[in-house]
C-alpha atoms as a PDB file:
ATOM      1  CA  MET A   1     -17.403  -7.163 -15.437  1.00  0.00           C
ATOM      2  CA  PRO A   2     -20.004  -5.295 -17.771  1.00  0.00           C
ATOM      3  CA  LYS A   3     -20.174  -7.405 -20.950  1.00  0.00           C
ATOM      4  CA  ASN A   4     -20.654  -4.109 -23.313  1.00  0.00           C
ATOM      5  CA  ASN A   5     -17.290  -2.285 -23.955  1.00  0.00           C
ATOM      6  CA  ARG A   6     -15.587  -5.583 -21.990  1.00  0.00           C
ATOM      7  CA  GLU A   7     -12.431  -5.220 -23.899  1.00  0.00           C
ATOM      8  CA  TRP A   8     -12.264  -1.162 -22.752  1.00  0.00           C
ATOM      9  CA  TRP A   9     -13.316  -2.224 -19.819  1.00  0.00           C
ATOM     10  CA  GLU A  10     -10.367  -5.221 -19.757  1.00  0.00           C
ATOM     11  CA  ALA A  11      -7.936  -2.621 -20.723  1.00  0.00           C
ATOM     12  CA  LYS A  12      -8.709  -0.417 -18.132  1.00  0.00           C
ATOM     13  CA  LEU A  13      -8.678  -2.380 -15.132  1.00  0.00           C
ATOM     14  CA  GLN A  14      -5.669  -3.736 -15.814  1.00  0.00           C
ATOM     15  CA  ARG A  15      -4.145   0.079 -16.440  1.00  0.00           C
ATOM     16  CA  ASN A  16      -5.889   0.799 -12.760  1.00  0.00           C
ATOM     17  CA  VAL A  17      -3.917  -2.071 -11.181  1.00  0.00           C
ATOM     18  CA  GLU A  18      -0.275  -1.422 -13.360  1.00  0.00           C
ATOM     19  CA  ARG A  19      -0.460   2.118 -12.153  1.00  0.00           C
ATOM     20  CA  ASP A  20      -2.016   1.435  -8.678  1.00  0.00           C
ATOM     21  CA  ARG A  21       1.548  -1.743  -8.620  1.00  0.00           C
ATOM     22  CA  GLU A  22       3.977   1.379  -9.488  1.00  0.00           C
ATOM     23  CA  LYS A  23       2.226   3.676  -7.283  1.00  0.00           C
ATOM     24  CA  ASP A  24       3.079   0.989  -4.460  1.00  0.00           C
ATOM     25  CA  THR A  25       6.542   0.668  -5.272  1.00  0.00           C
ATOM     26  CA  ALA A  26       7.085   3.934  -5.465  1.00  0.00           C
ATOM     27  CA  LEU A  27       5.337   5.013  -1.893  1.00  0.00           C
ATOM     28  CA  SER A  28       7.368   2.068  -0.191  1.00  0.00           C
ATOM     29  CA  ALA A  29      11.085   2.952  -2.109  1.00  0.00           C
ATOM     30  CA  LEU A  30       9.978   6.231   0.561  1.00  0.00           C
ATOM     31  CA  GLY A  31       9.390   4.892   3.519  1.00  0.00           C
ATOM     32  CA  TRP A  32       5.838   4.108   2.833  1.00  0.00           C
ATOM     33  CA  GLN A  33       4.021   0.927   4.293  1.00  0.00           C
ATOM     34  CA  VAL A  34       0.779   0.678   1.486  1.00  0.00           C
ATOM     35  CA  ARG A  35      -2.206  -1.167   2.660  1.00  0.00           C
ATOM     36  CA  HIS A  36      -5.228  -0.975   0.303  1.00  0.00           C
ATOM     37  CA  PHE A  37      -9.247  -0.587   1.644  1.00  0.00           C
ATOM     38  CA  TRP A  38     -12.541  -0.939   0.244  1.00  0.00           C
ATOM     39  CA  GLU A  39     -15.951   0.708   0.841  1.00  0.00           C
ATOM     40  CA  HIS A  40     -17.377  -3.464   1.361  1.00  0.00           C
ATOM     41  CA  GLU A  41     -15.396  -3.960   4.128  1.00  0.00           C
ATOM     42  CA  ASP A  42     -16.094  -3.510   7.498  1.00  0.00           C
ATOM     43  CA  PRO A  43     -14.662  -0.466   8.923  1.00  0.00           C
ATOM     44  CA  ALA A  44     -13.755  -1.840  12.154  1.00  0.00           C
ATOM     45  CA  ALA A  45     -11.381  -4.176  11.329  1.00  0.00           C
ATOM     46  CA  VAL A  46      -9.862  -1.801   8.369  1.00  0.00           C
ATOM     47  CA  ALA A  47      -9.216   0.028  11.837  1.00  0.00           C
ATOM     48  CA  SER A  48      -7.765  -2.501  13.305  1.00  0.00           C
ATOM     49  CA  GLU A  49      -5.521  -3.143  11.008  1.00  0.00           C
ATOM     50  CA  ILE A  50      -4.262   0.208  11.254  1.00  0.00           C
ATOM     51  CA  ASP A  51      -4.367   1.070  14.410  1.00  0.00           C
ATOM     52  CA  GLN A  52      -2.050  -2.864  14.732  1.00  0.00           C
ATOM     53  CA  THR A  53      -0.308  -1.312  11.734  1.00  0.00           C
ATOM     54  CA  TRP A  54       0.488   2.198  13.874  1.00  0.00           C
ATOM     55  CA  ARG A  55       1.735   0.730  16.954  1.00  0.00           C
ATOM     56  CA  GLN A  56       3.658  -1.920  15.572  1.00  0.00           C
ATOM     57  CA  LEU A  57       5.584   1.072  13.709  1.00  0.00           C
ATOM     58  CA  LEU A  58       5.937   3.451  16.830  1.00  0.00           C
ATOM     59  CA  THR A  59       8.261   0.429  18.657  1.00  0.00           C
ATOM     60  CA  THR A  60      10.586  -0.638  15.774  1.00  0.00           C
ATOM     61  CA  PRO A  61      13.746   0.234  15.930  1.00  0.00           C
ATOM     62  CA  LYS A  62      13.935   2.002  12.526  1.00  0.00           C
ATOM     63  CA  PRO A  63      17.833   1.218  10.793  1.00  0.00           C
ATOM     64  CA  ASP A  64      20.351   4.044  11.294  1.00  0.00           C
ATOM     65  CA  SER A  65      20.988   6.371   8.919  1.00  0.00           C
ATOM     66  CA  ARG A  66      24.345   6.880   9.738  1.00  0.00           C
ATOM     67  CA  SER A  67      27.243   5.182   9.312  1.00  0.00           C
ATOM     68  CA  THR A  68      28.466   3.237  13.059  1.00  0.00           C
ATOM     69  CA  GLN A  69      32.221   2.876  11.695  1.00  0.00           C
ATOM     70  CA  ASP A  70      34.281   4.943  12.696  1.00  0.00           C
ATOM     71  CA  VAL A  71      36.464   6.495  11.034  1.00  0.00           C
END
């Protein structure tokens, strides 16, 4: 945490966290799987996680949006 303007930085970072959670919730509600990656993470590990998630999504049956009950 920077020493100068500490209160401002704390408020800014807290709002960033809140905004990220709001966006994650909105995207999840639309059916997205939200992942966060940082520039300091190993690119190979990030690519592996993305690939693994993608393959899992391709092989997981999707719930049928149509009713299975006879009308």
